Amino acid sequence: MPQASTAPAKRSRVWLFLVPLAAFAVLAMFLGRGLSLNPREVPSPFIGKPAPAFTLPRLDDAARSVKGEELLGKVWVLNVWASWCGPCREEHPLWVDFARRSKVPIVGLNYKDQRSNALPWLRQLGDPYVMSLHDADGKVAIDWGVYGVPETFVIDRQGVVRFKHVGPVTAELMRQKIEPLLKAIDGA
């Protein structure tokens, strides 16, 4: 009889060891997967879907508003920026260079900024944008799923979001992802 009572006790000790080990293995697998992801490549629910509609005043002329549908029929880049954003200043020379050598228009989305700060910032650093839109309260940026600034989107002729990047654009990203994508969808 003593042997019968020790067998269930041994099985319960095995389970006490296996359950935490299995839980640890699952957690380690999720951690390993998470660590292998690029934090700049935030999945966007808008990839492959129509860009959110918007109507915003221009940064340079508050009396003139622009609607998103006015951009249909052309491939364009939306760059979300602000004069108070350090990483925006870091990526800005790349956009100035890109605007000089590319026919693809860049539209700026000036995020939660003051016109009195943003306009001099563009005059000082160069203005790569065909226009900058002023999103003073950040509501349009929220509609686009913006996490912070800078962020960049590529939109195709049909108004479909084809790419999103969170954080400053680098020369490598421009060369390896953005320019090839633009060339593929626009021949730019």
N, C-alpha and C. Protein backbone atom coordinates (compact mmCIF):
# COMPACT_ATOMS: atom_id res chain seq x y z
N MET A 1 0.79 -1.20 0.00
CA MET A 1 0.00 0.00 0.00
C MET A 1 0.84 1.27 0.00
N PRO A 2 1.92 1.34 0.70
CA PRO A 2 2.69 2.57 0.67
C PRO A 2 3.15 2.95 -0.73
N GLN A 3 3.41 1.93 -1.59
CA GLN A 3 3.86 2.24 -2.94
C GLN A 3 2.77 2.95 -3.74
N ALA A 4 1.51 2.57 -3.57
CA ALA A 4 0.40 3.18 -4.30
C ALA A 4 0.27 4.65 -3.94
N SER A 5 0.52 5.01 -2.70
CA SER A 5 0.38 6.40 -2.29
C SER A 5 1.55 7.26 -2.74
N THR A 6 2.72 6.67 -2.98
CA THR A 6 3.87 7.47 -3.42
C THR A 6 3.84 7.77 -4.91
N ALA A 7 3.16 6.90 -5.70
CA ALA A 7 3.10 7.14 -7.15
C ALA A 7 2.36 8.44 -7.47
N PRO A 8 1.16 8.71 -6.92
CA PRO A 8 0.51 10.00 -7.20
C PRO A 8 1.32 11.17 -6.67
N ALA A 9 2.01 11.00 -5.58
CA ALA A 9 2.83 12.08 -5.03
C ALA A 9 3.98 12.41 -5.99
N LYS A 10 4.59 11.37 -6.58
CA LYS A 10 5.68 11.60 -7.54
C LYS A 10 5.14 12.31 -8.79
N ARG A 11 3.95 11.90 -9.26
CA ARG A 11 3.37 12.54 -10.44
C ARG A 11 3.07 14.01 -10.17
N SER A 12 2.57 14.32 -9.00
CA SER A 12 2.26 15.71 -8.69
C SER A 12 3.54 16.54 -8.58
N ARG A 13 4.64 15.92 -8.09
CA ARG A 13 5.93 16.63 -8.05
C ARG A 13 6.44 16.89 -9.45
N VAL A 14 6.22 15.95 -10.36
CA VAL A 14 6.65 16.13 -11.75
C VAL A 14 5.88 17.29 -12.37
N TRP A 15 4.56 17.34 -12.12
CA TRP A 15 3.76 18.44 -12.66
C TRP A 15 4.18 19.78 -12.06
N LEU A 16 4.52 19.77 -10.79
CA LEU A 16 5.00 21.01 -10.15
C LEU A 16 6.27 21.52 -10.81
N PHE A 17 7.03 20.63 -11.40
CA PHE A 17 8.26 21.00 -12.10
C PHE A 17 7.96 21.36 -13.57
N LEU A 18 7.11 20.58 -14.23
CA LEU A 18 6.84 20.76 -15.66
C LEU A 18 6.02 22.01 -15.98
N VAL A 19 5.03 22.33 -15.18
CA VAL A 19 4.17 23.48 -15.46
C VAL A 19 4.99 24.78 -15.46
N PRO A 20 5.78 25.06 -14.43
CA PRO A 20 6.58 26.29 -14.48
C PRO A 20 7.61 26.27 -15.62
N LEU A 21 8.17 25.09 -15.91
CA LEU A 21 9.14 24.98 -16.99
C LEU A 21 8.47 25.30 -18.34
N ALA A 22 7.28 24.78 -18.55
CA ALA A 22 6.54 25.05 -19.79
C ALA A 22 6.17 26.53 -19.88
N ALA A 23 5.74 27.11 -18.79
CA ALA A 23 5.39 28.54 -18.77
C ALA A 23 6.63 29.38 -19.08
N PHE A 24 7.76 29.04 -18.51
CA PHE A 24 9.00 29.75 -18.78
C PHE A 24 9.38 29.64 -20.25
N ALA A 25 9.23 28.45 -20.83
CA ALA A 25 9.57 28.24 -22.25
C ALA A 25 8.69 29.11 -23.14
N VAL A 26 7.40 29.20 -22.84
CA VAL A 26 6.49 30.03 -23.63
C VAL A 26 6.87 31.50 -23.51
N LEU A 27 7.15 31.96 -22.30
CA LEU A 27 7.56 33.35 -22.08
C LEU A 27 8.88 33.65 -22.80
N ALA A 28 9.81 32.73 -22.74
CA ALA A 28 11.10 32.91 -23.42
C ALA A 28 10.90 33.00 -24.93
N MET A 29 9.98 32.22 -25.47
CA MET A 29 9.71 32.27 -26.90
C MET A 29 9.14 33.64 -27.29
N PHE A 30 8.18 34.16 -26.52
CA PHE A 30 7.61 35.48 -26.81
C PHE A 30 8.66 36.58 -26.66
N LEU A 31 9.47 36.49 -25.63
CA LEU A 31 10.53 37.48 -25.43
C LEU A 31 11.52 37.46 -26.59
N GLY A 32 11.92 36.27 -27.00
CA GLY A 32 12.84 36.15 -28.13
C GLY A 32 12.27 36.73 -29.39
N ARG A 33 11.00 36.48 -29.65
CA ARG A 33 10.34 37.04 -30.84
C ARG A 33 10.28 38.55 -30.74
N GLY A 34 9.92 39.06 -29.58
CA GLY A 34 9.83 40.51 -29.39
C GLY A 34 11.16 41.21 -29.57
N LEU A 35 12.22 40.60 -29.08
CA LEU A 35 13.55 41.21 -29.20
C LEU A 35 14.07 41.21 -30.63
N SER A 36 13.53 40.34 -31.47
CA SER A 36 13.98 40.28 -32.86
C SER A 36 13.25 41.29 -33.75
N LEU A 37 12.22 41.95 -33.24
CA LEU A 37 11.46 42.91 -34.04
C LEU A 37 12.16 44.27 -34.07
N ASN A 38 11.94 45.00 -35.15
CA ASN A 38 12.47 46.35 -35.28
C ASN A 38 11.45 47.31 -34.68
N PRO A 39 11.80 48.08 -33.64
CA PRO A 39 10.84 48.97 -33.00
C PRO A 39 10.38 50.10 -33.92
N ARG A 40 11.11 50.37 -34.99
CA ARG A 40 10.73 51.42 -35.93
C ARG A 40 9.67 50.94 -36.92
N GLU A 41 9.51 49.63 -37.04
CA GLU A 41 8.52 49.08 -37.95
C GLU A 41 7.28 48.69 -37.18
N VAL A 42 6.50 49.71 -36.85
CA VAL A 42 5.28 49.50 -36.10
C VAL A 42 4.18 49.11 -37.10
N PRO A 43 3.56 47.97 -36.91
CA PRO A 43 2.50 47.59 -37.85
C PRO A 43 1.39 48.62 -37.84
N SER A 44 0.90 48.92 -39.02
CA SER A 44 -0.17 49.89 -39.13
C SER A 44 -1.40 49.22 -39.72
N PRO A 45 -2.55 49.46 -39.12
CA PRO A 45 -3.77 48.89 -39.70
C PRO A 45 -4.12 49.55 -41.03
N PHE A 46 -3.43 50.64 -41.40
CA PHE A 46 -3.74 51.36 -42.63
C PHE A 46 -3.00 50.82 -43.85
N ILE A 47 -1.97 50.00 -43.64
CA ILE A 47 -1.23 49.46 -44.78
C ILE A 47 -2.19 48.65 -45.65
N GLY A 48 -2.26 49.03 -46.92
CA GLY A 48 -3.16 48.35 -47.85
C GLY A 48 -4.59 48.85 -47.80
N LYS A 49 -4.84 49.89 -47.01
CA LYS A 49 -6.19 50.44 -46.89
C LYS A 49 -6.17 51.93 -47.27
N PRO A 50 -7.33 52.48 -47.60
CA PRO A 50 -7.38 53.90 -47.95
C PRO A 50 -6.88 54.79 -46.81
N ALA A 51 -6.14 55.82 -47.20
CA ALA A 51 -5.65 56.79 -46.22
C ALA A 51 -6.85 57.49 -45.57
N PRO A 52 -6.75 57.81 -44.29
CA PRO A 52 -7.85 58.52 -43.63
C PRO A 52 -8.13 59.87 -44.30
N ALA A 53 -9.40 60.20 -44.38
CA ALA A 53 -9.81 61.49 -44.94
C ALA A 53 -9.40 62.61 -43.99
N PHE A 54 -9.12 63.76 -44.57
CA PHE A 54 -8.80 64.92 -43.74
C PHE A 54 -9.09 66.21 -44.50
N THR A 55 -9.27 67.26 -43.73
CA THR A 55 -9.30 68.63 -44.24
C THR A 55 -8.54 69.44 -43.22
N LEU A 56 -7.49 70.07 -43.68
CA LEU A 56 -6.64 70.86 -42.77
C LEU A 56 -6.22 72.16 -43.43
N PRO A 57 -5.99 73.19 -42.62
CA PRO A 57 -5.44 74.43 -43.18
C PRO A 57 -3.96 74.25 -43.51
N ARG A 58 -3.52 75.00 -44.50
CA ARG A 58 -2.10 75.01 -44.83
C ARG A 58 -1.34 75.74 -43.73
N LEU A 59 -0.13 75.32 -43.50
CA LEU A 59 0.71 75.97 -42.50
C LEU A 59 1.03 77.41 -42.91
N ASP A 60 1.29 77.60 -44.19
CA ASP A 60 1.70 78.92 -44.68
C ASP A 60 0.53 79.86 -44.93
N ASP A 61 -0.70 79.36 -44.91
CA ASP A 61 -1.87 80.19 -45.19
C ASP A 61 -3.09 79.55 -44.52
N ALA A 62 -3.41 79.98 -43.33
CA ALA A 62 -4.50 79.39 -42.55
C ALA A 62 -5.85 79.52 -43.24
N ALA A 63 -5.98 80.44 -44.18
CA ALA A 63 -7.26 80.64 -44.88
C ALA A 63 -7.47 79.59 -45.97
N ARG A 64 -6.43 78.88 -46.37
CA ARG A 64 -6.54 77.86 -47.42
C ARG A 64 -6.51 76.47 -46.79
N SER A 65 -7.55 75.69 -47.04
CA SER A 65 -7.61 74.32 -46.53
C SER A 65 -7.36 73.33 -47.67
N VAL A 66 -6.86 72.17 -47.30
CA VAL A 66 -6.58 71.10 -48.25
C VAL A 66 -7.31 69.86 -47.77
N LYS A 67 -7.94 69.18 -48.74
CA LYS A 67 -8.62 67.92 -48.45
C LYS A 67 -7.77 66.78 -48.98
N GLY A 68 -7.78 65.67 -48.28
CA GLY A 68 -7.01 64.51 -48.69
C GLY A 68 -7.34 64.03 -50.10
N GLU A 69 -8.60 64.11 -50.48
CA GLU A 69 -8.98 63.62 -51.80
C GLU A 69 -8.37 64.45 -52.93
N GLU A 70 -7.88 65.65 -52.63
CA GLU A 70 -7.20 66.45 -53.65
C GLU A 70 -5.88 65.81 -54.09
N LEU A 71 -5.37 64.88 -53.30
CA LEU A 71 -4.10 64.23 -53.60
C LEU A 71 -4.28 62.91 -54.36
N LEU A 72 -5.53 62.50 -54.57
CA LEU A 72 -5.77 61.28 -55.33
C LEU A 72 -5.22 61.43 -56.74
N GLY A 73 -4.72 60.33 -57.29
CA GLY A 73 -4.19 60.35 -58.64
C GLY A 73 -2.68 60.52 -58.70
N LYS A 74 -2.06 60.76 -57.55
CA LYS A 74 -0.61 60.86 -57.52
C LYS A 74 -0.05 60.10 -56.32
N VAL A 75 1.14 59.60 -56.50
CA VAL A 75 1.88 58.97 -55.40
C VAL A 75 2.48 60.12 -54.59
N TRP A 76 2.40 60.03 -53.27
CA TRP A 76 2.96 61.09 -52.44
C TRP A 76 3.43 60.53 -51.10
N VAL A 77 4.24 61.32 -50.45
CA VAL A 77 4.78 60.96 -49.13
C VAL A 77 4.22 61.95 -48.12
N LEU A 78 3.76 61.42 -46.99
CA LEU A 78 3.32 62.26 -45.87
C LEU A 78 4.37 62.15 -44.78
N ASN A 79 4.93 63.29 -44.40
CA ASN A 79 5.93 63.31 -43.33
C ASN A 79 5.37 64.13 -42.18
N VAL A 80 5.18 63.49 -41.04
CA VAL A 80 4.65 64.14 -39.84
C VAL A 80 5.85 64.72 -39.07
N TRP A 81 5.81 66.02 -38.81
CA TRP A 81 6.96 66.70 -38.21
C TRP A 81 6.49 67.83 -37.29
N ALA A 82 7.43 68.35 -36.52
CA ALA A 82 7.18 69.51 -35.66
C ALA A 82 8.50 70.23 -35.41
N SER A 83 8.43 71.52 -35.22
CA SER A 83 9.66 72.30 -34.97
C SER A 83 10.28 71.97 -33.62
N TRP A 84 9.49 71.47 -32.69
CA TRP A 84 9.99 71.14 -31.35
C TRP A 84 10.59 69.73 -31.29
N CYS A 85 10.59 69.02 -32.41
CA CYS A 85 11.00 67.61 -32.47
C CYS A 85 12.46 67.49 -32.89
N GLY A 86 13.31 67.03 -31.99
CA GLY A 86 14.73 66.83 -32.30
C GLY A 86 14.98 65.84 -33.42
N PRO A 87 14.36 64.66 -33.40
CA PRO A 87 14.56 63.70 -34.50
C PRO A 87 14.06 64.23 -35.85
N CYS A 88 13.09 65.14 -35.83
CA CYS A 88 12.63 65.75 -37.10
C CYS A 88 13.75 66.57 -37.71
N ARG A 89 14.48 67.29 -36.87
CA ARG A 89 15.62 68.08 -37.34
C ARG A 89 16.71 67.15 -37.90
N GLU A 90 16.86 66.01 -37.26
CA GLU A 90 17.86 65.01 -37.68
C GLU A 90 17.56 64.47 -39.08
N GLU A 91 16.30 64.18 -39.38
CA GLU A 91 15.95 63.60 -40.68
C GLU A 91 15.72 64.65 -41.77
N HIS A 92 15.52 65.89 -41.38
CA HIS A 92 15.11 66.94 -42.32
C HIS A 92 16.04 67.10 -43.53
N PRO A 93 17.37 67.07 -43.36
CA PRO A 93 18.24 67.20 -44.54
C PRO A 93 18.00 66.10 -45.58
N LEU A 94 17.61 64.91 -45.15
CA LEU A 94 17.30 63.84 -46.09
C LEU A 94 16.07 64.18 -46.93
N TRP A 95 15.07 64.80 -46.30
CA TRP A 95 13.88 65.19 -47.05
C TRP A 95 14.18 66.34 -48.00
N VAL A 96 15.01 67.27 -47.59
CA VAL A 96 15.40 68.37 -48.48
C VAL A 96 16.12 67.81 -49.70
N ASP A 97 17.04 66.89 -49.48
CA ASP A 97 17.76 66.25 -50.59
C ASP A 97 16.80 65.46 -51.48
N PHE A 98 15.92 64.68 -50.86
CA PHE A 98 14.96 63.88 -51.62
C PHE A 98 14.09 64.78 -52.50
N ALA A 99 13.62 65.89 -51.95
CA ALA A 99 12.75 66.81 -52.70
C ALA A 99 13.48 67.39 -53.91
N ARG A 100 14.78 67.62 -53.79
CA ARG A 100 15.57 68.18 -54.90
C ARG A 100 15.70 67.20 -56.06
N ARG A 101 15.78 65.90 -55.76
CA ARG A 101 16.08 64.92 -56.80
C ARG A 101 14.91 64.02 -57.17
N SER A 102 13.76 64.20 -56.58
CA SER A 102 12.62 63.33 -56.86
C SER A 102 11.42 64.14 -57.32
N LYS A 103 10.61 63.51 -58.16
CA LYS A 103 9.37 64.17 -58.58
C LYS A 103 8.19 63.82 -57.68
N VAL A 104 8.39 62.91 -56.72
CA VAL A 104 7.32 62.53 -55.80
C VAL A 104 7.13 63.64 -54.76
N PRO A 105 5.93 64.19 -54.67
CA PRO A 105 5.70 65.27 -53.70
C PRO A 105 5.71 64.77 -52.26
N ILE A 106 6.25 65.61 -51.41
CA ILE A 106 6.24 65.35 -49.96
C ILE A 106 5.28 66.37 -49.35
N VAL A 107 4.31 65.87 -48.63
CA VAL A 107 3.37 66.73 -47.92
C VAL A 107 3.76 66.66 -46.44
N GLY A 108 3.95 67.81 -45.84
CA GLY A 108 4.26 67.85 -44.41
C GLY A 108 2.98 67.92 -43.60
N LEU A 109 2.97 67.22 -42.49
CA LEU A 109 1.88 67.32 -41.52
C LEU A 109 2.50 67.87 -40.25
N ASN A 110 2.35 69.18 -40.07
CA ASN A 110 2.92 69.85 -38.91
C ASN A 110 2.04 69.55 -37.70
N TYR A 111 2.62 68.84 -36.73
CA TYR A 111 1.89 68.22 -35.63
C TYR A 111 2.02 69.00 -34.33
N LYS A 112 0.89 69.44 -33.79
CA LYS A 112 0.84 70.11 -32.48
C LYS A 112 1.95 71.15 -32.33
N ASP A 113 2.00 72.04 -33.28
CA ASP A 113 3.06 73.04 -33.34
C ASP A 113 2.44 74.42 -33.47
N GLN A 114 3.22 75.42 -33.22
CA GLN A 114 2.80 76.80 -33.43
C GLN A 114 3.31 77.27 -34.79
N ARG A 115 2.45 77.93 -35.55
CA ARG A 115 2.89 78.48 -36.84
C ARG A 115 4.11 79.36 -36.66
N SER A 116 4.11 80.13 -35.59
CA SER A 116 5.20 81.08 -35.35
C SER A 116 6.54 80.38 -35.10
N ASN A 117 6.53 79.11 -34.78
CA ASN A 117 7.76 78.33 -34.63
C ASN A 117 8.06 77.52 -35.89
N ALA A 118 7.01 76.98 -36.49
CA ALA A 118 7.19 76.06 -37.62
C ALA A 118 7.66 76.76 -38.89
N LEU A 119 7.09 77.92 -39.20
CA LEU A 119 7.47 78.61 -40.44
C LEU A 119 8.93 79.06 -40.44
N PRO A 120 9.44 79.66 -39.35
CA PRO A 120 10.87 80.02 -39.33
C PRO A 120 11.77 78.78 -39.39
N TRP A 121 11.33 77.69 -38.79
CA TRP A 121 12.09 76.43 -38.82
C TRP A 121 12.28 75.98 -40.25
N LEU A 122 11.22 76.03 -41.05
CA LEU A 122 11.32 75.65 -42.47
C LEU A 122 12.19 76.63 -43.26
N ARG A 123 12.06 77.93 -42.96
CA ARG A 123 12.91 78.92 -43.66
C ARG A 123 14.38 78.70 -43.35
N GLN A 124 14.67 78.35 -42.11
CA GLN A 124 16.06 78.15 -41.69
C GLN A 124 16.66 76.86 -42.26
N LEU A 125 15.90 75.76 -42.22
CA LEU A 125 16.43 74.45 -42.59
C LEU A 125 16.13 74.03 -44.02
N GLY A 126 15.27 74.78 -44.70
CA GLY A 126 14.85 74.41 -46.05
C GLY A 126 13.48 73.76 -45.98
N ASP A 127 12.71 73.98 -47.05
CA ASP A 127 11.34 73.46 -47.07
C ASP A 127 11.20 72.44 -48.19
N PRO A 128 11.22 71.15 -47.84
CA PRO A 128 11.11 70.10 -48.86
C PRO A 128 9.67 69.79 -49.27
N TYR A 129 8.71 70.42 -48.61
CA TYR A 129 7.31 70.05 -48.78
C TYR A 129 6.64 70.85 -49.89
N VAL A 130 5.81 70.17 -50.70
CA VAL A 130 4.99 70.90 -51.67
C VAL A 130 3.96 71.74 -50.90
N MET A 131 3.63 71.28 -49.71
CA MET A 131 2.80 72.03 -48.78
C MET A 131 2.92 71.36 -47.41
N SER A 132 2.77 72.15 -46.38
CA SER A 132 2.66 71.61 -45.03
C SER A 132 1.28 71.95 -44.51
N LEU A 133 0.65 70.97 -43.92
CA LEU A 133 -0.68 71.14 -43.34
C LEU A 133 -0.53 71.31 -41.84
N HIS A 134 -1.36 72.15 -41.25
CA HIS A 134 -1.22 72.47 -39.83
C HIS A 134 -2.25 71.70 -39.01
N ASP A 135 -1.78 70.70 -38.27
CA ASP A 135 -2.62 69.88 -37.40
C ASP A 135 -2.38 70.33 -35.96
N ALA A 136 -2.88 71.49 -35.63
CA ALA A 136 -2.59 72.13 -34.34
C ALA A 136 -3.00 71.30 -33.15
N ASP A 137 -4.14 70.62 -33.23
CA ASP A 137 -4.62 69.84 -32.08
C ASP A 137 -4.26 68.35 -32.19
N GLY A 138 -3.68 67.93 -33.30
CA GLY A 138 -3.24 66.55 -33.46
C GLY A 138 -4.34 65.56 -33.80
N LYS A 139 -5.55 66.03 -34.08
CA LYS A 139 -6.67 65.10 -34.33
C LYS A 139 -6.50 64.34 -35.64
N VAL A 140 -6.00 64.98 -36.68
CA VAL A 140 -5.79 64.27 -37.95
C VAL A 140 -4.69 63.23 -37.78
N ALA A 141 -3.64 63.58 -37.06
CA ALA A 141 -2.57 62.62 -36.81
C ALA A 141 -3.10 61.39 -36.08
N ILE A 142 -4.01 61.59 -35.15
CA ILE A 142 -4.61 60.46 -34.44
C ILE A 142 -5.37 59.58 -35.43
N ASP A 143 -6.09 60.20 -36.36
CA ASP A 143 -6.82 59.43 -37.37
C ASP A 143 -5.88 58.59 -38.21
N TRP A 144 -4.65 59.07 -38.41
CA TRP A 144 -3.64 58.34 -39.19
C TRP A 144 -2.90 57.31 -38.34
N GLY A 145 -3.18 57.26 -37.05
CA GLY A 145 -2.51 56.29 -36.18
C GLY A 145 -1.11 56.71 -35.80
N VAL A 146 -0.87 58.02 -35.78
CA VAL A 146 0.46 58.52 -35.45
C VAL A 146 0.74 58.33 -33.97
N TYR A 147 1.92 57.78 -33.68
CA TYR A 147 2.35 57.55 -32.30
C TYR A 147 3.13 58.74 -31.77
N GLY A 148 3.83 59.42 -32.64
CA GLY A 148 4.67 60.55 -32.28
C GLY A 148 5.33 61.08 -33.53
N VAL A 149 6.25 61.99 -33.37
CA VAL A 149 6.93 62.55 -34.53
C VAL A 149 8.41 62.22 -34.47
N PRO A 150 9.04 62.06 -35.58
CA PRO A 150 8.49 62.05 -36.93
C PRO A 150 7.92 60.68 -37.29
N GLU A 151 7.01 60.69 -38.23
CA GLU A 151 6.49 59.48 -38.86
C GLU A 151 6.32 59.76 -40.34
N THR A 152 6.45 58.72 -41.13
CA THR A 152 6.40 58.87 -42.58
C THR A 152 5.49 57.81 -43.18
N PHE A 153 4.70 58.22 -44.15
CA PHE A 153 3.78 57.35 -44.88
C PHE A 153 4.01 57.51 -46.37
N VAL A 154 3.82 56.43 -47.13
CA VAL A 154 3.80 56.49 -48.59
C VAL A 154 2.38 56.12 -49.01
N ILE A 155 1.80 56.98 -49.86
CA ILE A 155 0.43 56.79 -50.31
C ILE A 155 0.44 56.67 -51.83
N ASP A 156 -0.28 55.68 -52.38
CA ASP A 156 -0.28 55.47 -53.82
C ASP A 156 -1.35 56.31 -54.52
N ARG A 157 -1.44 56.17 -55.84
CA ARG A 157 -2.36 56.97 -56.66
C ARG A 157 -3.83 56.80 -56.27
N GLN A 158 -4.18 55.63 -55.77
CA GLN A 158 -5.56 55.37 -55.37
C GLN A 158 -5.86 55.84 -53.95
N GLY A 159 -4.86 56.43 -53.29
CA GLY A 159 -5.05 56.91 -51.93
C GLY A 159 -4.88 55.82 -50.88
N VAL A 160 -4.18 54.75 -51.25
CA VAL A 160 -3.96 53.63 -50.34
C VAL A 160 -2.59 53.78 -49.66
N VAL A 161 -2.57 53.59 -48.36
CA VAL A 161 -1.31 53.66 -47.61
C VAL A 161 -0.49 52.41 -47.93
N ARG A 162 0.73 52.62 -48.41
CA ARG A 162 1.57 51.49 -48.79
C ARG A 162 2.72 51.25 -47.83
N PHE A 163 3.04 52.25 -46.97
CA PHE A 163 4.21 52.14 -46.10
C PHE A 163 4.04 53.11 -44.94
N LYS A 164 4.55 52.69 -43.78
CA LYS A 164 4.61 53.58 -42.62
C LYS A 164 5.92 53.34 -41.90
N HIS A 165 6.54 54.43 -41.47
CA HIS A 165 7.77 54.33 -40.67
C HIS A 165 7.64 55.25 -39.47
N VAL A 166 7.93 54.73 -38.30
CA VAL A 166 7.91 55.50 -37.07
C VAL A 166 9.34 55.87 -36.72
N GLY A 167 9.57 57.15 -36.45
CA GLY A 167 10.90 57.62 -36.10
C GLY A 167 11.56 58.30 -37.28
N PRO A 168 12.78 58.80 -37.05
CA PRO A 168 13.45 59.52 -38.13
C PRO A 168 13.86 58.60 -39.27
N VAL A 169 13.68 59.11 -40.47
CA VAL A 169 14.12 58.39 -41.67
C VAL A 169 15.63 58.51 -41.75
N THR A 170 16.29 57.42 -42.09
CA THR A 170 17.74 57.42 -42.28
C THR A 170 18.05 57.30 -43.77
N ALA A 171 19.28 57.60 -44.14
CA ALA A 171 19.70 57.46 -45.54
C ALA A 171 19.53 56.01 -46.00
N GLU A 172 19.85 55.07 -45.12
CA GLU A 172 19.71 53.65 -45.45
C GLU A 172 18.25 53.28 -45.70
N LEU A 173 17.35 53.72 -44.83
CA LEU A 173 15.93 53.44 -45.02
C LEU A 173 15.42 54.08 -46.32
N MET A 174 15.85 55.30 -46.57
CA MET A 174 15.44 55.98 -47.80
C MET A 174 15.89 55.18 -49.02
N ARG A 175 17.14 54.74 -49.00
CA ARG A 175 17.75 54.03 -50.13
C ARG A 175 17.18 52.61 -50.28
N GLN A 176 16.97 51.91 -49.16
CA GLN A 176 16.60 50.50 -49.23
C GLN A 176 15.10 50.23 -49.24
N LYS A 177 14.29 51.13 -48.72
CA LYS A 177 12.85 50.86 -48.64
C LYS A 177 12.00 51.91 -49.35
N ILE A 178 12.17 53.17 -48.98
CA ILE A 178 11.26 54.21 -49.48
C ILE A 178 11.44 54.42 -50.99
N GLU A 179 12.66 54.66 -51.44
CA GLU A 179 12.88 54.91 -52.86
C GLU A 179 12.51 53.71 -53.73
N PRO A 180 12.88 52.47 -53.36
CA PRO A 180 12.43 51.33 -54.19
C PRO A 180 10.90 51.20 -54.24
N LEU A 181 10.24 51.45 -53.13
CA LEU A 181 8.78 51.38 -53.12
C LEU A 181 8.19 52.45 -54.04
N LEU A 182 8.71 53.67 -53.94
CA LEU A 182 8.21 54.74 -54.79
C LEU A 182 8.46 54.43 -56.27
N LYS A 183 9.60 53.87 -56.56
CA LYS A 183 9.91 53.49 -57.94
C LYS A 183 8.94 52.41 -58.44
N ALA A 184 8.64 51.47 -57.58
CA ALA A 184 7.73 50.38 -57.96
C ALA A 184 6.30 50.85 -58.21
N ILE A 185 5.85 51.82 -57.42
CA ILE A 185 4.45 52.25 -57.56
C ILE A 185 4.28 53.49 -58.42
N ASP A 186 5.38 54.20 -58.70
CA ASP A 186 5.26 55.43 -59.47
C ASP A 186 6.28 55.56 -60.58
N GLY A 187 7.31 54.74 -60.54
CA GLY A 187 8.38 54.90 -61.52
C GLY A 187 9.29 56.07 -61.19
N ALA A 188 9.17 56.59 -59.96
CA ALA A 188 9.96 57.77 -59.56
C ALA A 188 11.41 57.43 -59.31
